[in-house]
Protein backbone atom coordinates (compact mmCIF):
# COMPACT_ATOMS: atom_id res chain seq x y z
CA MET A 1 -35.43 60.05 -4.55
CA ALA A 2 -32.41 58.62 -6.35
CA VAL A 3 -31.36 56.84 -3.16
CA GLU A 4 -34.89 55.45 -2.69
CA SER A 5 -34.92 54.26 -6.31
CA GLY A 6 -31.59 52.49 -5.78
CA ILE A 7 -32.95 50.73 -2.70
CA LEU A 8 -36.02 49.54 -4.61
CA HIS A 9 -33.83 48.29 -7.46
CA GLU A 10 -31.57 46.38 -5.06
CA THR A 11 -34.56 44.93 -3.20
CA GLY A 12 -36.03 43.66 -6.48
CA ALA A 13 -32.71 42.09 -7.45
CA LEU A 14 -32.53 40.26 -4.11
CA ALA A 15 -36.08 39.01 -4.52
CA ARG A 16 -35.30 37.64 -7.97
CA ARG A 17 -32.15 35.97 -6.62
CA PHE A 18 -34.06 34.29 -3.79
CA LEU A 19 -36.73 33.14 -6.26
CA ALA A 20 -34.06 31.62 -8.51
CA LEU A 21 -32.50 29.79 -5.56
CA ALA A 22 -35.91 28.50 -4.50
CA LEU A 23 -36.58 27.16 -7.99
CA ILE A 24 -33.16 25.47 -8.12
CA SER A 25 -33.87 23.78 -4.80
CA LEU A 26 -36.98 22.21 -6.32
CA LEU A 27 -35.03 20.57 -9.15
CA PRO A 28 -34.23 16.86 -8.73
CA VAL A 29 -30.75 16.28 -7.27
CA PRO A 30 -28.74 13.89 -9.46
CA ALA A 31 -27.70 10.72 -7.65
CA PRO A 32 -23.96 10.32 -7.09
CA ALA A 33 -22.25 8.09 -9.62
CA ALA A 34 -22.04 4.48 -8.43
CA GLY A 35 -18.56 3.35 -7.50
CA LEU A 36 -16.94 0.21 -8.86
CA PHE A 37 -17.79 -1.78 -5.74
CA ASP A 38 -21.33 -0.48 -5.26
CA SER A 39 -22.79 -3.12 -7.59
CA HIS A 40 -22.59 -6.88 -8.00
CA GLU A 41 -23.27 -6.89 -11.74
CA THR A 42 -20.52 -8.45 -13.84
CA VAL A 43 -18.38 -5.96 -15.78
CA GLU A 44 -17.28 -6.94 -19.30
CA ILE A 45 -13.76 -5.74 -20.12
CA ARG A 46 -10.91 -6.32 -22.57
CA LEU A 47 -7.32 -6.20 -21.32
CA SER A 48 -4.66 -5.82 -24.00
CA GLY A 49 -0.92 -5.80 -23.47
CA PRO A 50 2.34 -7.80 -23.35
CA LEU A 51 1.01 -10.73 -21.30
CA GLY A 52 3.71 -13.03 -22.65
CA THR A 53 6.47 -10.73 -21.42
CA ILE A 54 4.84 -10.11 -18.06
CA GLY A 55 4.40 -13.86 -17.53
CA ARG A 56 8.15 -14.45 -17.66
CA GLU A 57 8.58 -12.39 -14.49
CA ARG A 58 6.63 -14.83 -12.31
CA GLN A 59 9.73 -15.97 -10.41
CA GLN A 60 11.41 -12.58 -10.22
CA LYS A 61 11.38 -10.47 -7.06
CA GLU A 62 11.42 -7.22 -9.01
CA ARG A 63 8.26 -6.77 -11.09
CA THR A 64 8.07 -4.31 -13.97
CA GLU A 65 4.97 -2.34 -14.91
CA TYR A 66 3.99 -2.54 -18.58
CA PRO A 67 1.57 -0.32 -20.51
CA PHE A 68 -1.77 -2.01 -21.21
CA VAL A 69 -5.14 -0.86 -22.50
CA LEU A 70 -8.35 -1.70 -20.62
CA SER A 71 -11.53 -1.40 -22.70
CA VAL A 72 -14.94 -1.11 -21.02
CA ASP A 73 -18.32 0.13 -22.29
CA GLY A 74 -16.82 1.63 -25.44
CA SER A 75 -14.06 3.49 -23.58
CA THR A 76 -10.34 2.70 -23.64
CA ILE A 77 -8.26 3.34 -20.54
CA PRO A 78 -4.45 3.31 -20.43
CA VAL A 79 -3.34 1.30 -17.42
CA ASP A 80 0.01 0.04 -16.14
CA VAL A 81 0.04 -3.65 -15.24
CA ARG A 82 2.47 -5.87 -13.36
CA ILE A 83 2.54 -9.31 -11.80
CA ARG A 84 1.72 -9.57 -8.10
CA GLY A 85 1.52 -12.32 -5.51
CA LYS A 86 3.78 -15.09 -4.25
CA SER A 87 2.46 -18.64 -4.05
CA ARG A 88 0.18 -18.24 -7.06
CA THR A 89 3.06 -17.12 -9.26
CA GLU A 90 4.64 -20.52 -8.61
CA ALA A 91 1.48 -22.57 -9.15
CA CYS A 92 -0.14 -20.56 -11.95
CA THR A 93 0.90 -20.18 -15.57
CA PHE A 94 -1.42 -17.17 -15.83
CA PRO A 95 -0.43 -15.02 -12.84
CA PRO A 96 -2.49 -12.59 -10.75
CA LEU A 97 -2.03 -8.97 -11.80
CA ARG A 98 -2.08 -5.45 -10.40
CA LEU A 99 -3.72 -2.62 -12.32
CA ASN A 100 -2.37 0.90 -11.84
CA PHE A 101 -4.63 3.69 -13.16
CA SER A 102 -3.40 7.22 -13.77
CA ALA A 103 -5.41 9.99 -12.12
CA GLY A 104 -8.49 10.80 -14.20
CA ALA A 105 -7.73 8.19 -16.86
CA ALA A 106 -10.83 6.13 -16.03
CA ASP A 107 -13.27 9.02 -15.54
CA GLY A 108 -16.71 8.29 -16.97
CA THR A 109 -16.29 4.51 -16.65
CA ALA A 110 -16.95 1.89 -13.98
CA PHE A 111 -13.30 2.25 -12.90
CA ALA A 112 -13.52 6.00 -12.22
CA GLY A 113 -11.58 7.12 -9.16
CA GLN A 114 -9.57 3.91 -8.86
CA ASP A 115 -5.81 3.91 -8.32
CA LYS A 116 -4.21 0.51 -7.78
CA LEU A 117 -6.35 -2.64 -7.91
CA LYS A 118 -5.54 -6.30 -7.38
CA LEU A 119 -6.89 -8.44 -10.22
CA VAL A 120 -7.52 -12.11 -9.37
CA THR A 121 -7.16 -14.21 -12.52
CA HIS A 122 -7.94 -17.78 -13.58
CA CYS A 123 -4.48 -19.30 -12.81
CA ARG A 124 -4.29 -21.56 -15.88
CA SER A 125 -5.87 -21.00 -19.26
CA GLY A 126 -8.08 -23.59 -20.91
CA GLN A 127 -8.97 -25.46 -17.69
CA LEU A 128 -12.44 -24.77 -16.33
CA SER A 129 -11.61 -25.99 -12.83
CA PHE A 130 -9.20 -23.09 -12.34
CA GLU A 131 -11.80 -20.60 -13.53
CA ASN A 132 -14.22 -22.06 -10.99
CA ASN A 133 -11.55 -21.64 -8.31
CA THR A 134 -11.64 -17.92 -9.10
CA LEU A 135 -15.43 -17.86 -8.75
CA GLU A 136 -15.30 -19.74 -5.43
CA GLU A 137 -12.78 -17.27 -4.02
CA TYR A 138 -14.95 -14.37 -5.18
CA THR A 139 -17.84 -16.05 -3.33
CA ALA A 140 -15.77 -16.20 -0.12
CA TYR A 141 -15.23 -12.42 -0.24
CA ARG A 142 -18.96 -11.90 -0.81
CA ILE A 143 -19.78 -14.02 2.24
CA PHE A 144 -17.51 -11.97 4.49
CA ASN A 145 -19.05 -8.76 3.09
CA LEU A 146 -22.37 -9.93 4.50
CA ILE A 147 -20.83 -10.69 7.89
CA THR A 148 -19.20 -7.28 8.33
CA ASP A 149 -18.75 -4.01 6.45
CA ILE A 150 -15.11 -4.01 7.57
CA SER A 151 -14.19 -6.30 4.69
CA TYR A 152 -12.75 -6.05 1.20
CA ARG A 153 -15.45 -5.55 -1.42
CA VAL A 154 -15.03 -7.24 -4.80
CA ARG A 155 -16.38 -6.84 -8.34
CA LEU A 156 -16.75 -9.73 -10.76
CA LEU A 157 -15.33 -9.29 -14.27
CA ARG A 158 -15.68 -11.13 -17.54
CA ILE A 159 -12.34 -10.56 -19.26
CA ARG A 160 -11.20 -10.93 -22.84
CA TYR A 161 -7.40 -11.00 -22.76
CA GLU A 162 -5.27 -9.96 -25.71
CA ASP A 163 -1.58 -10.83 -25.61
CA THR A 164 0.11 -8.27 -27.86
CA ASP A 165 3.28 -10.43 -27.70
CA GLU A 166 1.26 -13.24 -29.36
CA ARG A 167 2.91 -15.82 -27.10
CA LEU A 168 0.13 -17.05 -24.85
CA ARG A 169 -2.36 -19.61 -26.10
CA ARG A 170 -5.95 -20.40 -25.13
CA LEU A 171 -7.04 -16.78 -24.83
CA ASP A 172 -9.69 -17.14 -27.51
CA HIS A 173 -12.59 -16.79 -25.07
CA THR A 174 -13.48 -14.72 -22.02
CA TYR A 175 -12.48 -15.65 -18.48
CA TYR A 176 -13.96 -14.76 -15.13
CA GLY A 177 -11.81 -12.69 -12.80
CA PHE A 178 -12.41 -10.11 -10.10
CA VAL A 179 -10.88 -6.96 -8.65
CA ILE A 180 -10.51 -6.28 -4.94
CA GLU A 181 -11.16 -2.99 -3.21
CA SER A 182 -7.88 -1.24 -2.32
CA ASP A 183 -6.84 -0.99 1.32
CA ASP A 184 -6.92 2.80 1.08
CA GLU A 185 -10.52 2.75 -0.16
CA LEU A 186 -11.53 0.30 2.57
CA ALA A 187 -9.88 2.41 5.28
CA ALA A 188 -11.56 5.61 4.03
CA ARG A 189 -14.94 3.87 3.82
CA VAL A 190 -14.87 2.66 7.44
CA GLY A 191 -13.16 5.76 8.86
CA GLY A 192 -9.86 4.11 9.74
CA ASN A 193 -6.22 3.78 8.78
CA ILE A 194 -4.09 0.92 7.51
CA GLU A 195 -1.83 -0.34 10.32
CA LYS A 196 1.58 -1.36 8.99
CA THR A 197 3.64 -2.90 11.75
CA ALA A 198 5.83 -5.94 12.31
CA GLY A 199 3.57 -7.19 15.09
CA ILE A 200 0.45 -6.35 17.05
CA LEU A 201 -0.79 -6.69 20.60
CA TYR A 202 -3.70 -9.13 20.68
CA SER A 203 -5.29 -7.00 23.40
CA ARG A 204 -5.71 -4.15 20.87
CA LEU A 205 -7.80 -6.28 18.50
CA ASP A 206 -11.53 -5.71 18.33
CA THR A 207 -12.91 -8.83 19.97
CA ALA A 208 -16.13 -9.04 17.95
CA GLN A 209 -14.39 -8.60 14.58
CA THR A 210 -11.69 -11.12 15.51
CA ALA A 211 -14.33 -13.66 16.53
CA ARG A 212 -16.13 -13.14 13.20
CA VAL A 213 -12.88 -13.80 11.34
CA ASN A 214 -12.32 -17.00 13.36
CA VAL A 215 -15.77 -18.39 12.52
CA PHE A 216 -15.71 -17.21 8.89
CA GLN A 217 -12.38 -18.93 8.24
CA TYR A 218 -13.87 -22.14 9.64
CA LEU A 219 -16.95 -21.70 7.42
CA ILE A 220 -14.80 -21.61 4.24
CA ALA A 221 -12.32 -24.19 5.63
CA ASN A 222 -9.34 -21.85 5.51
CA THR A 223 -6.24 -22.29 7.67
CA ASP A 224 -3.92 -20.15 5.51
CA TRP A 225 -3.94 -17.11 7.78
CA SER A 226 -2.26 -15.98 10.96
CA PHE A 227 -1.65 -13.02 13.25
CA VAL A 228 2.04 -13.86 12.91
CA ASN A 229 3.76 -12.90 9.67
CA ASN A 230 5.80 -15.54 7.88
CA LEU A 231 9.52 -15.20 7.11
CA GLU A 232 8.93 -13.53 3.72
CA GLU A 233 6.59 -10.87 5.09
CA GLN A 234 7.81 -7.64 6.67
CA THR A 235 4.56 -6.66 8.39
CA CYS A 236 1.85 -8.40 10.37
CA CYS A 237 -0.06 -10.45 9.46
CA HIS A 238 -0.32 -13.46 7.11
CA ASN A 239 -3.30 -12.95 4.78
CA LEU A 240 -4.78 -10.41 7.19
CA ASP A 241 -4.71 -6.64 6.92
CA ILE A 242 -5.17 -4.54 10.03
CA ILE A 243 -7.40 -1.45 10.04
CA GLU A 244 -7.12 0.93 13.00
CA ILE A 245 -10.36 2.69 13.95
CA ASP A 246 -10.31 4.91 17.05
CA SER A 247 -7.17 3.14 18.37
CA VAL A 248 -8.82 -0.29 18.02
CA LEU A 249 -7.46 -2.82 15.51
CA PHE A 250 -9.78 -4.68 13.12
CA PRO A 251 -8.43 -7.70 11.22
CA VAL A 252 -9.56 -8.02 7.60
CA PRO A 253 -8.87 -11.34 5.84
CA PHE A 254 -7.97 -11.82 2.16
CA ASP A 255 -6.50 -14.48 -0.16
CA PHE A 256 -8.78 -17.50 0.17
CA ASP A 257 -7.45 -19.60 -2.71
CA LEU A 258 -6.03 -22.26 -0.37
CA SER A 259 -9.32 -22.68 1.50
CA GLY A 260 -11.31 -25.88 1.36
CA MET A 261 -14.20 -24.00 -0.20
CA VAL A 262 -12.04 -23.09 -3.22
CA ASN A 263 -10.33 -26.50 -3.15
CA ALA A 264 -7.62 -25.54 -5.68
CA SER A 265 -5.55 -28.40 -7.03
CA TYR A 266 -2.33 -26.68 -5.94
CA ALA A 267 -3.43 -26.30 -2.30
CA PRO A 268 -1.11 -28.21 0.10
CA LYS A 269 -2.41 -31.41 1.60
CA ARG A 270 -3.92 -31.23 5.06
CA LYS A 271 -2.45 -33.04 8.05
CA ARG A 272 -3.40 -36.62 8.78
CA GLY A 273 -4.62 -37.11 5.23
CA ARG A 274 -7.75 -35.00 5.72
CA ARG A 275 -9.54 -33.74 2.62
CA ALA A 276 -8.80 -30.15 1.63
CA SER A 277 -12.49 -29.34 1.95
CA ALA A 278 -12.60 -30.56 5.58
CA ARG A 279 -13.22 -27.76 8.06
CA GLU A 280 -10.61 -27.12 10.75
CA TYR A 281 -10.76 -24.38 13.36
CA SER A 282 -7.73 -22.08 13.31
CA GLY A 283 -8.94 -19.30 15.59
CA TYR A 284 -6.86 -18.04 18.49
CA CYS A 285 -7.60 -19.04 22.08
CA ARG A 286 -7.16 -15.44 23.22
CA THR A 287 -10.58 -14.68 21.75
CA PRO A 288 -13.12 -15.54 24.50
CA ILE A 289 -15.36 -18.44 23.56
CA GLU A 290 -18.35 -16.29 24.50
CA SER A 291 -17.40 -13.85 21.72
CA VAL A 292 -16.93 -16.72 19.30
CA ALA A 293 -20.39 -18.01 20.23
CA THR A 294 -21.88 -14.58 19.55
CA ALA A 295 -20.12 -14.42 16.17
CA LEU A 296 -21.39 -17.91 15.33
CA ASP A 297 -24.97 -16.89 16.14
CA GLU A 298 -24.62 -13.70 14.07
CA ILE A 299 -23.45 -15.67 11.06
CA VAL A 300 -26.15 -18.33 11.46
CA ALA A 301 -28.73 -15.52 11.45
CA LEU A 302 -27.43 -14.57 7.98
CA ARG A 303 -28.00 -18.05 6.57
CA SER A 304 -30.59 -17.03 3.98
CA GLU A 305 -28.65 -13.98 2.79
CA ILE A 306 -25.38 -15.91 2.55
CA LEU A 307 -26.91 -18.80 0.63
CA ALA A 308 -28.60 -16.35 -1.75
CA ALA A 309 -25.24 -14.67 -2.42
CA VAL A 310 -23.58 -18.06 -2.92
CA GLU A 311 -26.22 -19.14 -5.42
CA ALA A 312 -25.96 -15.84 -7.33
CA VAL A 313 -22.34 -16.50 -8.35
CA PRO A 314 -22.04 -18.37 -11.67
CA VAL A 315 -20.09 -21.55 -12.37
CA VAL A 316 -18.49 -22.90 -15.53
CA GLY A 317 -18.14 -26.44 -16.82
CA ARG A 318 -19.39 -29.42 -14.86
CA ASP A 319 -19.36 -27.80 -11.43
CA SER A 320 -22.73 -26.76 -10.06
CA ILE A 321 -24.13 -23.96 -7.98
CA GLU A 322 -26.04 -26.57 -5.99
CA SER A 323 -22.88 -28.35 -4.81
CA ARG A 324 -21.34 -25.03 -3.75
CA ALA A 325 -24.48 -24.09 -1.81
CA GLN A 326 -24.64 -27.52 -0.19
CA TYR A 327 -21.04 -27.19 1.00
CA ILE A 328 -21.83 -23.87 2.67
CA ASP A 329 -25.15 -25.09 4.06
CA ARG A 330 -23.43 -28.02 5.79
CA PHE A 331 -21.73 -25.46 8.00
CA PHE A 332 -25.10 -23.98 8.94
CA ALA A 333 -26.56 -27.40 9.64
CA GLU A 334 -23.65 -28.17 11.94
CA ALA A 335 -23.89 -24.79 13.66
CA VAL A 336 -27.62 -25.20 14.31
CA ASP A 337 -27.88 -28.92 15.09
CA ASP A 338 -24.64 -29.26 17.09
CA ARG A 339 -23.99 -25.71 18.29
CA GLU A 340 -22.63 -26.62 21.74
CA LYS A 341 -20.54 -29.47 20.34
CA LEU A 342 -19.11 -27.14 17.70
CA LEU A 343 -18.22 -24.51 20.30
CA ARG A 344 -16.48 -27.17 22.43
CA ARG A 345 -14.47 -28.13 19.36
CA PHE A 346 -13.53 -24.49 18.77
CA GLU A 347 -12.38 -24.22 22.38
CA LYS A 348 -10.37 -27.43 22.14
CA LYS A 349 -8.76 -26.78 18.76
CA CYS A 350 -7.94 -23.08 19.13
CA ILE A 351 -4.36 -21.89 18.69
CA GLY A 352 -2.07 -20.59 21.42
CA ARG A 353 -2.58 -19.84 25.08
CA ARG A 354 -5.68 -18.35 26.65
């Protein structure tokens, strides 16, 4: 009887446990916290630290990290900051920066889970044209996001800078800037790995992705990229990262500040006196023209979505959203009205041997 009683007691306990589990399963499951790059809303932050000291390292090869404080939504986050970049450190009095978060330091904020982030800044304080350059470059990233998921996501920021050295001037108002998804986060998101090598075989490149890059760079009038690294770079390629997915290589472009779409005042002059905003094709001839044509058609099909994204990005000063949208829409008009002529131009102007 004692054994039978024990069995009944155990059976009742199991029933209660199953009932509890069933009730738990009926509760609403909380949605996962949104990541930094899962939204396009502007994030308001304050960045405080020795900006005057850090600015003096613009021409130095060795860059030192300095302790800063990033404030967002009532939280303060300790973050190490250093200068980054090459050409912009020569042209800009306010250099681009890299943010380095300690593990767990940003938990509970929009920056939760981040490690190292590139911060694109306004180049020169007190001049609205340079702030608009930042917004145009942000727009270029957003356009490529719509073309392919294998692209660097970005998040727009409104930044109040505080120079604790009290050396820099014209920091009495907020500036637009943006952070770029890290290469590690991109690789994890698309199920690949970052390929770090001195050179690549063109035959290993994904043809469709490469064709999209070719057409996209023409769309934003950018020639500052190459599958060949320049003398100062140790790995392939120039303003392209390479993601390996299942043994196939996918090029991912970045750094669009010298594109005609951005039209920065420090951009080098084009050949034959052409305007910086003039579109020139810089794709490689090894990409079949049939693949380029497919990429062109894919991008033209995104016309409405791309123009909507372009018009959603703010401007400052006398520039206008309308002029930015018109510049982009001229590409679509050309691609639709003169598609075959445009493809013949691509085939004629491509780089290298077929």
